[in-house]
Amino acid sequence: MRRTHSLSAAVAALGLMTTAACTTDPVTGEQRVSRAAIGAGVGALGGFLAGDVLGGRRDRTEKIVGTGIGAIAGAAVGGYMDRQEQELRRKTAGTGVNVVREGDQIKLDIPAGITFDTNSYAIKPEFRSTLDQVASTLSDYPQTIIDVYGHTDSTGNDAINVPLSQNRARSVADYLSTRGVAPARMATQGFGASQPIASNDTPDGRSQNRRVEVRIVPLTDDRG
């Protein structure tokens, strides 16, 4: 049975803070997180279990179906996601992006080090070609919901890390949308340092925790 969970009011409010927490370098035009612009009082984030969809499955599905994209029939889900997984593995091979299959879902683990400079959410020019390949595949397989999560290590505090992670997730989603992925399919959330996948006590562990995850969920008729 599928379990669905909604964001708490505190987490939802954090999303509203992100656009006010950045500055633009007057020389390079690059956007960076401004420590002075970020207010205090950001609460801790709750975690998502595998299979959750940001904003709720019913609302997201109805919005996507409303754009003319049909849901996948139950028996066809596995094959549809198999083909998409194979295409993503082929197009991201050797780029540093890790393609993970989780049941009928696909997750792309993208290390922040290959995507962003320190404290920045401007996508590195050299990584754009990889995202172009990801966007091409996502466009070829439109019957999916796409959640983009941003994560940081524990260096600093939530007042810095949460907006940075949110802005990085939004940067990836915004870039994908400029390459033809329908915005209605995508949602973003920044979790700061609240969901580490390795120890923050070592440089290698912190490097692993600084990441963006793109989770691809099949669009089905199950809107519960």
Protein backbone atom coordinates (compact mmCIF):
# COMPACT_ATOMS: atom_id res chain seq x y z
CA MET A 1 0.00 0.00 0.00
CA ARG A 2 1.30 3.42 -0.91
CA ARG A 3 1.94 5.79 1.97
CA THR A 4 1.48 9.50 1.38
CA HIS A 5 2.78 12.29 3.56
CA SER A 6 2.38 16.04 3.35
CA LEU A 7 4.86 18.73 4.24
CA SER A 8 4.38 20.48 7.54
CA ALA A 9 3.46 24.17 7.58
CA ALA A 10 6.96 24.99 8.77
CA VAL A 11 8.58 23.23 5.83
CA ALA A 12 6.21 24.84 3.35
CA ALA A 13 7.06 28.25 4.75
CA LEU A 14 10.75 27.62 4.17
CA GLY A 15 10.18 27.50 0.44
CA LEU A 16 8.97 31.11 0.53
CA MET A 17 12.26 32.28 2.02
CA THR A 18 14.60 31.12 -0.69
CA THR A 19 14.32 33.90 -3.25
CA ALA A 20 15.15 36.53 -0.62
CA ALA A 21 18.41 34.81 0.38
CA CYS A 22 20.59 35.52 -2.64
CA THR A 23 22.74 38.22 -4.14
CA THR A 24 24.17 38.69 -7.63
CA ASP A 25 27.86 39.28 -8.16
CA PRO A 26 28.05 42.65 -10.00
CA VAL A 27 31.06 41.48 -12.04
CA THR A 28 30.22 37.90 -12.98
CA GLY A 29 26.44 38.04 -12.64
CA GLU A 30 26.59 34.81 -10.63
CA GLN A 31 23.95 34.25 -7.96
CA ARG A 32 25.19 33.31 -4.51
CA VAL A 33 23.66 32.81 -1.10
CA SER A 34 23.87 35.97 0.98
CA ARG A 35 24.46 35.36 4.66
CA ALA A 36 23.27 38.86 5.48
CA ALA A 37 20.01 38.42 3.59
CA ILE A 38 18.93 35.26 5.36
CA GLY A 39 16.88 35.71 8.49
CA ALA A 40 17.04 33.52 11.55
CA GLY A 41 14.36 31.17 12.74
CA VAL A 42 14.45 28.39 10.14
CA GLY A 43 13.16 25.20 11.75
CA ALA A 44 14.39 21.67 11.25
CA LEU A 45 13.03 19.77 8.25
CA GLY A 46 11.19 16.51 8.40
CA GLY A 47 12.20 13.67 6.10
CA PHE A 48 10.35 12.14 3.20
CA LEU A 49 9.91 8.41 2.84
CA ALA A 50 10.63 6.79 -0.51
CA GLY A 51 7.56 7.00 -2.72
CA ASP A 52 6.22 10.31 -1.46
CA VAL A 53 5.41 12.99 -4.02
CA LEU A 54 5.84 16.67 -3.22
CA GLY A 55 2.51 18.41 -2.98
CA GLY A 56 0.54 15.17 -2.93
CA ARG A 57 -0.02 12.61 -5.68
CA ARG A 58 -3.65 13.52 -6.39
CA ASP A 59 -3.07 17.24 -6.96
CA ARG A 60 0.08 16.72 -9.00
CA THR A 61 -1.51 14.01 -11.15
CA GLU A 62 -4.60 16.08 -11.87
CA LYS A 63 -2.49 19.08 -12.89
CA ILE A 64 -0.32 17.01 -15.21
CA VAL A 65 -3.24 15.14 -16.76
CA GLY A 66 -4.84 18.54 -17.29
CA THR A 67 -1.96 19.45 -19.60
CA GLY A 68 -2.86 16.55 -21.88
CA ILE A 69 -0.38 13.95 -20.60
CA GLY A 70 -2.12 10.63 -19.96
CA ALA A 71 -1.44 8.26 -17.08
CA ILE A 72 0.29 4.91 -17.61
CA ALA A 73 -1.83 1.76 -17.38
CA GLY A 74 -0.73 -0.36 -14.42
CA ALA A 75 0.65 -3.30 -16.42
CA ALA A 76 2.78 -1.01 -18.57
CA VAL A 77 4.54 0.87 -15.76
CA GLY A 78 7.47 -1.51 -15.33
CA GLY A 79 8.45 -1.59 -18.99
CA TYR A 80 8.04 2.17 -19.35
CA MET A 81 10.38 2.84 -16.43
CA ASP A 82 12.82 0.14 -17.59
CA ARG A 83 13.26 1.85 -20.94
CA GLN A 84 13.65 5.26 -19.32
CA GLU A 85 16.22 3.91 -16.86
CA GLN A 86 18.29 2.37 -19.66
CA GLU A 87 18.24 5.62 -21.61
CA LEU A 88 19.27 7.68 -18.58
CA ARG A 89 22.13 5.29 -17.79
CA ARG A 90 23.37 5.50 -21.37
CA LYS A 91 23.20 9.28 -21.57
CA THR A 92 24.79 9.98 -18.16
CA ALA A 93 27.52 7.32 -18.28
CA GLY A 94 30.84 8.76 -17.09
CA THR A 95 29.36 12.09 -15.97
CA GLY A 96 29.31 11.46 -12.21
CA VAL A 97 25.51 11.13 -12.12
CA ASN A 98 24.39 7.95 -10.37
CA VAL A 99 21.18 6.35 -11.70
CA VAL A 100 19.39 4.33 -8.99
CA ARG A 101 16.33 2.15 -9.57
CA GLU A 102 13.92 1.95 -6.61
CA GLY A 103 10.98 -0.27 -7.54
CA ASP A 104 9.01 1.53 -10.23
CA GLN A 105 10.85 4.79 -9.54
CA ILE A 106 14.18 6.14 -10.74
CA LYS A 107 16.48 8.42 -8.76
CA LEU A 108 19.34 10.47 -10.15
CA ASP A 109 21.98 11.29 -7.54
CA ILE A 110 23.89 14.35 -8.73
CA PRO A 111 26.90 15.40 -6.61
CA ALA A 112 26.85 19.14 -5.97
CA GLY A 113 30.57 19.32 -6.71
CA ILE A 114 30.02 18.63 -10.41
CA THR A 115 27.00 20.93 -10.61
CA PHE A 116 27.71 24.04 -8.51
CA ASP A 117 30.57 26.07 -7.10
CA THR A 118 30.77 26.45 -3.31
CA ASN A 119 27.85 28.49 -1.89
CA SER A 120 26.48 28.99 -5.40
CA TYR A 121 23.34 27.74 -7.10
CA ALA A 122 24.38 28.77 -10.61
CA ILE A 123 24.79 25.59 -12.66
CA LYS A 124 28.35 25.13 -13.92
CA PRO A 125 28.57 25.62 -17.70
CA GLU A 126 30.42 22.31 -18.11
CA PHE A 127 27.53 20.39 -16.50
CA ARG A 128 24.82 21.81 -18.72
CA SER A 129 25.42 19.26 -21.47
CA THR A 130 24.71 16.47 -18.98
CA LEU A 131 21.46 18.12 -17.91
CA ASP A 132 20.62 18.53 -21.59
CA GLN A 133 20.81 14.75 -21.93
CA VAL A 134 18.68 14.23 -18.82
CA ALA A 135 16.09 16.72 -20.10
CA SER A 136 15.99 15.01 -23.48
CA THR A 137 15.16 11.68 -21.85
CA LEU A 138 12.58 13.18 -19.50
CA SER A 139 10.91 14.84 -22.47
CA ASP A 140 10.82 11.54 -24.34
CA TYR A 141 9.09 9.91 -21.35
CA PRO A 142 6.50 12.51 -20.31
CA GLN A 143 4.30 10.19 -18.22
CA THR A 144 6.24 10.81 -15.03
CA ILE A 145 6.22 13.13 -12.03
CA ILE A 146 9.59 14.70 -11.25
CA ASP A 147 10.70 15.83 -7.80
CA VAL A 148 14.00 17.67 -7.40
CA TYR A 149 15.55 17.67 -3.92
CA GLY A 150 18.50 19.76 -2.75
CA HIS A 151 20.80 18.64 0.09
CA THR A 152 23.86 20.10 1.83
CA ASP A 153 26.41 18.92 4.36
CA SER A 154 26.24 20.07 7.99
CA THR A 155 28.74 22.90 7.60
CA GLY A 156 27.02 26.12 8.57
CA ASN A 157 23.45 26.22 9.84
CA ASP A 158 19.90 25.86 8.58
CA ALA A 159 19.60 29.58 7.88
CA ILE A 160 22.25 29.12 5.19
CA ASN A 161 21.84 25.49 4.17
CA VAL A 162 18.09 25.31 3.66
CA PRO A 163 17.82 28.24 1.21
CA LEU A 164 20.97 27.07 -0.59
CA SER A 165 19.59 23.56 -1.05
CA GLN A 166 16.22 24.91 -2.20
CA ASN A 167 17.79 27.28 -4.69
CA ARG A 168 19.97 24.50 -6.09
CA ALA A 169 16.93 22.27 -6.56
CA ARG A 170 15.10 25.11 -8.28
CA SER A 171 18.08 25.85 -10.52
CA VAL A 172 18.10 22.26 -11.79
CA ALA A 173 14.31 22.22 -12.30
CA ASP A 174 14.36 25.61 -14.03
CA TYR A 175 17.14 24.47 -16.35
CA LEU A 176 15.27 21.28 -17.24
CA SER A 177 12.19 23.36 -18.03
CA THR A 178 14.20 25.51 -20.46
CA ARG A 179 15.14 22.28 -22.23
CA GLY A 180 11.57 21.18 -22.79
CA VAL A 181 10.51 19.41 -19.58
CA ALA A 182 7.00 20.61 -18.70
CA PRO A 183 7.05 22.67 -15.46
CA ALA A 184 3.75 21.07 -14.39
CA ARG A 185 5.61 17.78 -13.96
CA MET A 186 8.19 19.19 -11.55
CA ALA A 187 8.33 20.25 -7.90
CA THR A 188 11.31 21.19 -5.75
CA GLN A 189 12.29 21.11 -2.11
CA GLY A 190 15.47 21.92 -0.18
CA PHE A 191 16.28 19.80 2.87
CA GLY A 192 19.50 21.46 3.97
CA ALA A 193 21.62 19.05 6.01
CA SER A 194 18.68 17.10 7.45
CA GLN A 195 19.03 14.00 5.24
CA PRO A 196 22.69 12.94 5.11
CA ILE A 197 23.68 9.78 3.26
CA ALA A 198 27.17 9.69 4.77
CA SER A 199 29.00 10.92 7.85
CA ASN A 200 29.55 14.67 8.05
CA ASP A 201 32.69 14.01 10.10
CA THR A 202 34.90 13.46 7.04
CA PRO A 203 35.54 15.47 3.87
CA ASP A 204 34.43 12.53 1.72
CA GLY A 205 31.20 12.14 3.68
CA ARG A 206 30.41 15.84 3.44
CA SER A 207 31.06 15.71 -0.29
CA GLN A 208 28.53 12.89 -0.66
CA ASN A 209 25.93 14.79 1.34
CA ARG A 210 26.16 17.84 -0.93
CA ARG A 211 23.91 16.69 -3.73
CA VAL A 212 20.80 17.16 -5.81
CA GLU A 213 18.41 14.24 -6.25
CA VAL A 214 16.00 14.00 -9.17
CA ARG A 215 13.29 11.44 -8.43
CA ILE A 216 11.18 10.21 -11.35
CA VAL A 217 7.82 8.68 -10.44
CA PRO A 218 5.46 7.03 -12.97
CA LEU A 219 2.23 8.90 -13.62
CA THR A 220 -0.54 6.39 -12.88
CA ASP A 221 -4.26 6.53 -12.18
CA ASP A 222 -3.63 5.95 -8.44
CA ARG A 223 -4.29 9.42 -7.02
CA GLY A 224 -4.74 8.47 -3.37
